[in-house]
Amino acid sequence: ALDGLFFKPAGKLDPVHRTPAVSLVVQCVWACL
């Protein structure tokens, strides 16, 4: 996402934990599928 090759929201970090929260959700959805 930072390189512009994936959805832009996946390139944002959680302000408190400094983790890619949106990317973790995307990973979870993909794993469930």
ModelCIF file with pLDDT and N, C-alpha, C, O atoms, coordinates in Angstrom:
data_MODEL
#
_entry.id   MODEL 
#
_entity.id                         1 
_entity.type                       polymer 
_entity.pdbx_number_of_molecules   1 
#
_entity_poly.entity_id                      1 
_entity_poly.type                           'polypeptide(L)' 
_entity_poly.nstd_linkage                   no 
_entity_poly.nstd_monomer                   no 
_entity_poly.pdbx_seq_one_letter_code       ALDGLFFKPAGKLDPVHRTPAVSLVVQCVWACL 
_entity_poly.pdbx_seq_one_letter_code_can   ALDGLFFKPAGKLDPVHRTPAVSLVVQCVWACL 
_entity_poly.pdbx_strand_id                 A 
#
loop_
_entity_poly_seq.entity_id 
_entity_poly_seq.num 
_entity_poly_seq.mon_id 
_entity_poly_seq.hetero 
1 1  ALA n 
1 2  LEU n 
1 3  ASP n 
1 4  GLY n 
1 5  LEU n 
1 6  PHE n 
1 7  PHE n 
1 8  LYS n 
1 9  PRO n 
1 10 ALA n 
1 11 GLY n 
1 12 LYS n 
1 13 LEU n 
1 14 ASP n 
1 15 PRO n 
1 16 VAL n 
1 17 HIS n 
1 18 ARG n 
1 19 THR n 
1 20 PRO n 
1 21 ALA n 
1 22 VAL n 
1 23 SER n 
1 24 LEU n 
1 25 VAL n 
1 26 VAL n 
1 27 GLN n 
1 28 CYS n 
1 29 VAL n 
1 30 TRP n 
1 31 ALA n 
1 32 CYS n 
1 33 LEU n 
#
_struct_asym.id          A 
_struct_asym.entity_id   1 
#
loop_
_ma_qa_metric.id 
_ma_qa_metric.mode 
_ma_qa_metric.name 
_ma_qa_metric.software_group_id 
_ma_qa_metric.type 
1 global pLDDT . pLDDT 
2 local  pLDDT . pLDDT 
#
_ma_qa_metric_global.metric_id      1 
_ma_qa_metric_global.metric_value   91.21 
_ma_qa_metric_global.model_id       1 
_ma_qa_metric_global.ordinal_id     1 
#
loop_
_ma_qa_metric_local.label_asym_id 
_ma_qa_metric_local.label_comp_id 
_ma_qa_metric_local.label_seq_id 
_ma_qa_metric_local.metric_id 
_ma_qa_metric_local.metric_value 
_ma_qa_metric_local.model_id 
_ma_qa_metric_local.ordinal_id 
A ALA 1  2 93.00 1 1  
A LEU 2  2 94.00 1 2  
A ASP 3  2 94.00 1 3  
A GLY 4  2 94.00 1 4  
A LEU 5  2 93.00 1 5  
A PHE 6  2 90.00 1 6  
A PHE 7  2 90.00 1 7  
A LYS 8  2 93.00 1 8  
A PRO 9  2 92.00 1 9  
A ALA 10 2 92.00 1 10 
A GLY 11 2 92.00 1 11 
A LYS 12 2 92.00 1 12 
A LEU 13 2 93.00 1 13 
A ASP 14 2 92.00 1 14 
A PRO 15 2 92.00 1 15 
A VAL 16 2 94.00 1 16 
A HIS 17 2 91.00 1 17 
A ARG 18 2 91.00 1 18 
A THR 19 2 91.00 1 19 
A PRO 20 2 93.00 1 20 
A ALA 21 2 93.00 1 21 
A VAL 22 2 93.00 1 22 
A SER 23 2 93.00 1 23 
A LEU 24 2 93.00 1 24 
A VAL 25 2 92.00 1 25 
A VAL 26 2 89.00 1 26 
A GLN 27 2 88.00 1 27 
A CYS 28 2 90.00 1 28 
A VAL 29 2 91.00 1 29 
A TRP 30 2 85.00 1 30 
A ALA 31 2 83.00 1 31 
A CYS 32 2 88.00 1 32 
A LEU 33 2 86.00 1 33 
#
loop_
_atom_site.group_PDB 
_atom_site.id 
_atom_site.type_symbol 
_atom_site.label_atom_id 
_atom_site.label_alt_id 
_atom_site.label_comp_id 
_atom_site.label_asym_id 
_atom_site.label_entity_id 
_atom_site.label_seq_id 
_atom_site.pdbx_PDB_ins_code 
_atom_site.Cartn_x 
_atom_site.Cartn_y 
_atom_site.Cartn_z 
_atom_site.occupancy 
_atom_site.B_iso_or_equiv 
_atom_site.pdbx_formal_charge 
_atom_site.auth_seq_id 
_atom_site.auth_comp_id 
_atom_site.auth_asym_id 
_atom_site.auth_atom_id 
_atom_site.pdbx_PDB_model_num 
ATOM 1   N N  . ALA A 1 1  ? 0.828   -1.204  0.000  1.00 93.00 ? 1  ALA A N  1 
ATOM 2   C CA . ALA A 1 1  ? 0.000   0.000   0.000  1.00 93.00 ? 1  ALA A CA 1 
ATOM 3   C C  . ALA A 1 1  ? 0.865   1.257   0.000  1.00 93.00 ? 1  ALA A C  1 
ATOM 4   O O  . ALA A 1 1  ? 0.520   2.240   -0.655 1.00 93.00 ? 1  ALA A O  1 
ATOM 5   N N  . LEU A 1 2  ? 1.979   1.239   0.722  1.00 94.00 ? 2  LEU A N  1 
ATOM 6   C CA . LEU A 1 2  ? 2.877   2.394   0.719  1.00 94.00 ? 2  LEU A CA 1 
ATOM 7   C C  . LEU A 1 2  ? 3.492   2.617   -0.658 1.00 94.00 ? 2  LEU A C  1 
ATOM 8   O O  . LEU A 1 2  ? 3.767   3.754   -1.040 1.00 94.00 ? 2  LEU A O  1 
ATOM 9   N N  . ASP A 1 3  ? 3.706   1.541   -1.402 1.00 94.00 ? 3  ASP A N  1 
ATOM 10  C CA . ASP A 1 3  ? 4.265   1.644   -2.752 1.00 94.00 ? 3  ASP A CA 1 
ATOM 11  C C  . ASP A 1 3  ? 3.203   1.917   -3.810 1.00 94.00 ? 3  ASP A C  1 
ATOM 12  O O  . ASP A 1 3  ? 3.526   2.060   -4.989 1.00 94.00 ? 3  ASP A O  1 
ATOM 13  N N  . GLY A 1 4  ? 1.940   1.990   -3.399 1.00 94.00 ? 4  GLY A N  1 
ATOM 14  C CA . GLY A 1 4  ? 0.855   2.253   -4.334 1.00 94.00 ? 4  GLY A CA 1 
ATOM 15  C C  . GLY A 1 4  ? 0.399   1.031   -5.108 1.00 94.00 ? 4  GLY A C  1 
ATOM 16  O O  . GLY A 1 4  ? -0.239  1.163   -6.152 1.00 94.00 ? 4  GLY A O  1 
ATOM 17  N N  . LEU A 1 5  ? 0.717   -0.167  -4.608 1.00 93.00 ? 5  LEU A N  1 
ATOM 18  C CA . LEU A 1 5  ? 0.350   -1.403  -5.294 1.00 93.00 ? 5  LEU A CA 1 
ATOM 19  C C  . LEU A 1 5  ? -0.838  -2.113  -4.654 1.00 93.00 ? 5  LEU A C  1 
ATOM 20  O O  . LEU A 1 5  ? -1.254  -3.171  -5.128 1.00 93.00 ? 5  LEU A O  1 
ATOM 21  N N  . PHE A 1 6  ? -1.382  -1.550  -3.596 1.00 90.00 ? 6  PHE A N  1 
ATOM 22  C CA . PHE A 1 6  ? -2.506  -2.154  -2.880 1.00 90.00 ? 6  PHE A CA 1 
ATOM 23  C C  . PHE A 1 6  ? -3.405  -1.025  -2.408 1.00 90.00 ? 6  PHE A C  1 
ATOM 24  O O  . PHE A 1 6  ? -3.065  0.145   -2.583 1.00 90.00 ? 6  PHE A O  1 
ATOM 25  N N  . PHE A 1 7  ? -4.532  -1.349  -1.820 1.00 90.00 ? 7  PHE A N  1 
ATOM 26  C CA . PHE A 1 7  ? -5.481  -0.343  -1.359 1.00 90.00 ? 7  PHE A CA 1 
ATOM 27  C C  . PHE A 1 7  ? -4.811  0.634   -0.387 1.00 90.00 ? 7  PHE A C  1 
ATOM 28  O O  . PHE A 1 7  ? -4.122  0.219   0.545  1.00 90.00 ? 7  PHE A O  1 
ATOM 29  N N  . LYS A 1 8  ? -5.017  1.918   -0.611 1.00 93.00 ? 8  LYS A N  1 
ATOM 30  C CA . LYS A 1 8  ? -4.363  2.965   0.173  1.00 93.00 ? 8  LYS A CA 1 
ATOM 31  C C  . LYS A 1 8  ? -4.616  2.856   1.684  1.00 93.00 ? 8  LYS A C  1 
ATOM 32  O O  . LYS A 1 8  ? -3.683  3.075   2.455  1.00 93.00 ? 8  LYS A O  1 
ATOM 33  N N  . PRO A 1 9  ? -5.828  2.529   2.142  1.00 92.00 ? 9  PRO A N  1 
ATOM 34  C CA . PRO A 1 9  ? -6.052  2.432   3.593  1.00 92.00 ? 9  PRO A CA 1 
ATOM 35  C C  . PRO A 1 9  ? -5.187  1.369   4.283  1.00 92.00 ? 9  PRO A C  1 
ATOM 36  O O  . PRO A 1 9  ? -4.939  1.460   5.485  1.00 92.00 ? 9  PRO A O  1 
ATOM 37  N N  . ALA A 1 10 ? -4.734  0.377   3.540  1.00 92.00 ? 10 ALA A N  1 
ATOM 38  C CA . ALA A 1 10 ? -3.892  -0.668  4.144  1.00 92.00 ? 10 ALA A CA 1 
ATOM 39  C C  . ALA A 1 10 ? -2.514  -0.134  4.505  1.00 92.00 ? 10 ALA A C  1 
ATOM 40  O O  . ALA A 1 10 ? -1.758  -0.805  5.208  1.00 92.00 ? 10 ALA A O  1 
ATOM 41  N N  . GLY A 1 11 ? -2.179  1.049   4.043  1.00 92.00 ? 11 GLY A N  1 
ATOM 42  C CA . GLY A 1 11 ? -0.886  1.642   4.336  1.00 92.00 ? 11 GLY A CA 1 
ATOM 43  C C  . GLY A 1 11 ? -0.866  2.550   5.541  1.00 92.00 ? 11 GLY A C  1 
ATOM 44  O O  . GLY A 1 11 ? 0.118   3.257   5.759  1.00 92.00 ? 11 GLY A O  1 
ATOM 45  N N  . LYS A 1 12 ? -1.921  2.552   6.329  1.00 92.00 ? 12 LYS A N  1 
ATOM 46  C CA . LYS A 1 12 ? -1.979  3.407   7.512  1.00 92.00 ? 12 LYS A CA 1 
ATOM 47  C C  . LYS A 1 12 ? -1.681  2.596   8.767  1.00 92.00 ? 12 LYS A C  1 
ATOM 48  O O  . LYS A 1 12 ? -2.086  1.440   8.891  1.00 92.00 ? 12 LYS A O  1 
ATOM 49  N N  . LEU A 1 13 ? -0.964  3.228   9.697  1.00 93.00 ? 13 LEU A N  1 
ATOM 50  C CA . LEU A 1 13 ? -0.653  2.593   10.976 1.00 93.00 ? 13 LEU A CA 1 
ATOM 51  C C  . LEU A 1 13 ? -1.620  3.052   12.049 1.00 93.00 ? 13 LEU A C  1 
ATOM 52  O O  . LEU A 1 13 ? -2.101  4.185   12.020 1.00 93.00 ? 13 LEU A O  1 
ATOM 53  N N  . ASP A 1 14 ? -1.903  2.171   12.993 1.00 92.00 ? 14 ASP A N  1 
ATOM 54  C CA . ASP A 1 14 ? -2.701  2.528   14.163 1.00 92.00 ? 14 ASP A CA 1 
ATOM 55  C C  . ASP A 1 14 ? -1.899  3.548   14.976 1.00 92.00 ? 14 ASP A C  1 
ATOM 56  O O  . ASP A 1 14 ? -0.728  3.307   15.272 1.00 92.00 ? 14 ASP A O  1 
ATOM 57  N N  . PRO A 1 15 ? -2.503  4.675   15.340 1.00 92.00 ? 15 PRO A N  1 
ATOM 58  C CA . PRO A 1 15 ? -1.731  5.721   16.033 1.00 92.00 ? 15 PRO A CA 1 
ATOM 59  C C  . PRO A 1 15 ? -1.244  5.311   17.420 1.00 92.00 ? 15 PRO A C  1 
ATOM 60  O O  . PRO A 1 15 ? -0.222  5.820   17.882 1.00 92.00 ? 15 PRO A O  1 
ATOM 61  N N  . VAL A 1 16 ? -1.936  4.423   18.080 1.00 94.00 ? 16 VAL A N  1 
ATOM 62  C CA . VAL A 1 16 ? -1.548  4.034   19.436 1.00 94.00 ? 16 VAL A CA 1 
ATOM 63  C C  . VAL A 1 16 ? -0.533  2.895   19.418 1.00 94.00 ? 16 VAL A C  1 
ATOM 64  O O  . VAL A 1 16 ? 0.512   2.979   20.064 1.00 94.00 ? 16 VAL A O  1 
ATOM 65  N N  . HIS A 1 17 ? -0.841  1.828   18.677 1.00 91.00 ? 17 HIS A N  1 
ATOM 66  C CA . HIS A 1 17 ? -0.016  0.624   18.706 1.00 91.00 ? 17 HIS A CA 1 
ATOM 67  C C  . HIS A 1 17 ? 1.043   0.572   17.601 1.00 91.00 ? 17 HIS A C  1 
ATOM 68  O O  . HIS A 1 17 ? 1.930   -0.281  17.629 1.00 91.00 ? 17 HIS A O  1 
ATOM 69  N N  . ARG A 1 18 ? 0.947   1.486   16.628 1.00 91.00 ? 18 ARG A N  1 
ATOM 70  C CA . ARG A 1 18 ? 1.882   1.541   15.501 1.00 91.00 ? 18 ARG A CA 1 
ATOM 71  C C  . ARG A 1 18 ? 1.916   0.228   14.723 1.00 91.00 ? 18 ARG A C  1 
ATOM 72  O O  . ARG A 1 18 ? 2.978   -0.223  14.293 1.00 91.00 ? 18 ARG A O  1 
ATOM 73  N N  . THR A 1 19 ? 0.748   -0.375  14.548 1.00 91.00 ? 19 THR A N  1 
ATOM 74  C CA . THR A 1 19 ? 0.605   -1.599  13.766 1.00 91.00 ? 19 THR A CA 1 
ATOM 75  C C  . THR A 1 19 ? -0.293  -1.312  12.565 1.00 91.00 ? 19 THR A C  1 
ATOM 76  O O  . THR A 1 19 ? -1.140  -0.420  12.624 1.00 91.00 ? 19 THR A O  1 
ATOM 77  N N  . PRO A 1 20 ? -0.117  -2.052  11.489 1.00 93.00 ? 20 PRO A N  1 
ATOM 78  C CA . PRO A 1 20 ? -0.993  -1.856  10.326 1.00 93.00 ? 20 PRO A CA 1 
ATOM 79  C C  . PRO A 1 20 ? -2.341  -2.549  10.555 1.00 93.00 ? 20 PRO A C  1 
ATOM 80  O O  . PRO A 1 20 ? -2.566  -3.664  10.084 1.00 93.00 ? 20 PRO A O  1 
ATOM 81  N N  . ALA A 1 21 ? -3.224  -1.875  11.281 1.00 93.00 ? 21 ALA A N  1 
ATOM 82  C CA . ALA A 1 21 ? -4.494  -2.480  11.699 1.00 93.00 ? 21 ALA A CA 1 
ATOM 83  C C  . ALA A 1 21 ? -5.363  -2.864  10.506 1.00 93.00 ? 21 ALA A C  1 
ATOM 84  O O  . ALA A 1 21 ? -5.949  -3.947  10.497 1.00 93.00 ? 21 ALA A O  1 
ATOM 85  N N  . VAL A 1 22 ? -5.456  -2.001  9.503  1.00 93.00 ? 22 VAL A N  1 
ATOM 86  C CA . VAL A 1 22 ? -6.281  -2.307  8.327  1.00 93.00 ? 22 VAL A CA 1 
ATOM 87  C C  . VAL A 1 22 ? -5.708  -3.513  7.595  1.00 93.00 ? 22 VAL A C  1 
ATOM 88  O O  . VAL A 1 22 ? -6.457  -4.373  7.131  1.00 93.00 ? 22 VAL A O  1 
ATOM 89  N N  . SER A 1 23 ? -4.387  -3.582  7.489  1.00 93.00 ? 23 SER A N  1 
ATOM 90  C CA . SER A 1 23 ? -3.753  -4.720  6.832  1.00 93.00 ? 23 SER A CA 1 
ATOM 91  C C  . SER A 1 23 ? -3.998  -6.014  7.594  1.00 93.00 ? 23 SER A C  1 
ATOM 92  O O  . SER A 1 23 ? -4.157  -7.073  6.987  1.00 93.00 ? 23 SER A O  1 
ATOM 93  N N  . LEU A 1 24 ? -4.030  -5.934  8.923  1.00 93.00 ? 24 LEU A N  1 
ATOM 94  C CA . LEU A 1 24 ? -4.323  -7.128  9.720  1.00 93.00 ? 24 LEU A CA 1 
ATOM 95  C C  . LEU A 1 24 ? -5.752  -7.613  9.478  1.00 93.00 ? 24 LEU A C  1 
ATOM 96  O O  . LEU A 1 24 ? -6.003  -8.817  9.418  1.00 93.00 ? 24 LEU A O  1 
ATOM 97  N N  . VAL A 1 25 ? -6.681  -6.674  9.339  1.00 92.00 ? 25 VAL A N  1 
ATOM 98  C CA . VAL A 1 25 ? -8.063  -7.049  9.044  1.00 92.00 ? 25 VAL A CA 1 
ATOM 99  C C  . VAL A 1 25 ? -8.155  -7.681  7.651  1.00 92.00 ? 25 VAL A C  1 
ATOM 100 O O  . VAL A 1 25 ? -8.841  -8.685  7.463  1.00 92.00 ? 25 VAL A O  1 
ATOM 101 N N  . VAL A 1 26 ? -7.464  -7.090  6.686  1.00 89.00 ? 26 VAL A N  1 
ATOM 102 C CA . VAL A 1 26 ? -7.458  -7.656  5.332  1.00 89.00 ? 26 VAL A CA 1 
ATOM 103 C C  . VAL A 1 26 ? -6.873  -9.062  5.362  1.00 89.00 ? 26 VAL A C  1 
ATOM 104 O O  . VAL A 1 26 ? -7.400  -9.971  4.720  1.00 89.00 ? 26 VAL A O  1 
ATOM 105 N N  . GLN A 1 27 ? -5.782  -9.245  6.109  1.00 88.00 ? 27 GLN A N  1 
ATOM 106 C CA . GLN A 1 27 ? -5.167  -10.566 6.234  1.00 88.00 ? 27 GLN A CA 1 
ATOM 107 C C  . GLN A 1 27 ? -6.132  -11.557 6.876  1.00 88.00 ? 27 GLN A C  1 
ATOM 108 O O  . GLN A 1 27 ? -6.206  -12.712 6.455  1.00 88.00 ? 27 GLN A O  1 
ATOM 109 N N  . CYS A 1 28 ? -6.862  -11.122 7.876  1.00 90.00 ? 28 CYS A N  1 
ATOM 110 C CA . CYS A 1 28 ? -7.832  -11.988 8.547  1.00 90.00 ? 28 CYS A CA 1 
ATOM 111 C C  . CYS A 1 28 ? -8.950  -12.405 7.595  1.00 90.00 ? 28 CYS A C  1 
ATOM 112 O O  . CYS A 1 28 ? -9.319  -13.578 7.539  1.00 90.00 ? 28 CYS A O  1 
ATOM 113 N N  . VAL A 1 29 ? -9.482  -11.447 6.853  1.00 91.00 ? 29 VAL A N  1 
ATOM 114 C CA . VAL A 1 29 ? -10.556 -11.752 5.895  1.00 91.00 ? 29 VAL A CA 1 
ATOM 115 C C  . VAL A 1 29 ? -10.059 -12.722 4.822  1.00 91.00 ? 29 VAL A C  1 
ATOM 116 O O  . VAL A 1 29 ? -10.750 -13.677 4.467  1.00 91.00 ? 29 VAL A O  1 
ATOM 117 N N  . TRP A 1 30 ? -8.852  -12.465 4.311  1.00 85.00 ? 30 TRP A N  1 
ATOM 118 C CA . TRP A 1 30 ? -8.288  -13.342 3.282  1.00 85.00 ? 30 TRP A CA 1 
ATOM 119 C C  . TRP A 1 30 ? -8.075  -14.751 3.821  1.00 85.00 ? 30 TRP A C  1 
ATOM 120 O O  . TRP A 1 30 ? -8.374  -15.724 3.129  1.00 85.00 ? 30 TRP A O  1 
ATOM 121 N N  . ALA A 1 31 ? -7.569  -14.877 5.031  1.00 83.00 ? 31 ALA A N  1 
ATOM 122 C CA . ALA A 1 31 ? -7.364  -16.194 5.638  1.00 83.00 ? 31 ALA A CA 1 
ATOM 123 C C  . ALA A 1 31 ? -8.691  -16.916 5.846  1.00 83.00 ? 31 ALA A C  1 
ATOM 124 O O  . ALA A 1 31 ? -8.787  -18.123 5.628  1.00 83.00 ? 31 ALA A O  1 
ATOM 125 N N  . CYS A 1 32 ? -9.716  -16.172 6.268  1.00 88.00 ? 32 CYS A N  1 
ATOM 126 C CA . CYS A 1 32 ? -11.040 -16.790 6.449  1.00 88.00 ? 32 CYS A CA 1 
ATOM 127 C C  . CYS A 1 32 ? -11.606 -17.275 5.119  1.00 88.00 ? 32 CYS A C  1 
ATOM 128 O O  . CYS A 1 32 ? -12.176 -18.364 5.047  1.00 88.00 ? 32 CYS A O  1 
ATOM 129 N N  . LEU A 1 33 ? -11.454 -16.479 4.073  1.00 86.00 ? 33 LEU A N  1 
ATOM 130 C CA . LEU A 1 33 ? -11.936 -16.899 2.752  1.00 86.00 ? 33 LEU A CA 1 
ATOM 131 C C  . LEU A 1 33 ? -11.200 -18.145 2.260  1.00 86.00 ? 33 LEU A C  1 
ATOM 132 O O  . LEU A 1 33 ? -11.480 -18.635 1.166  1.00 86.00 ? 33 LEU A O  1 
#
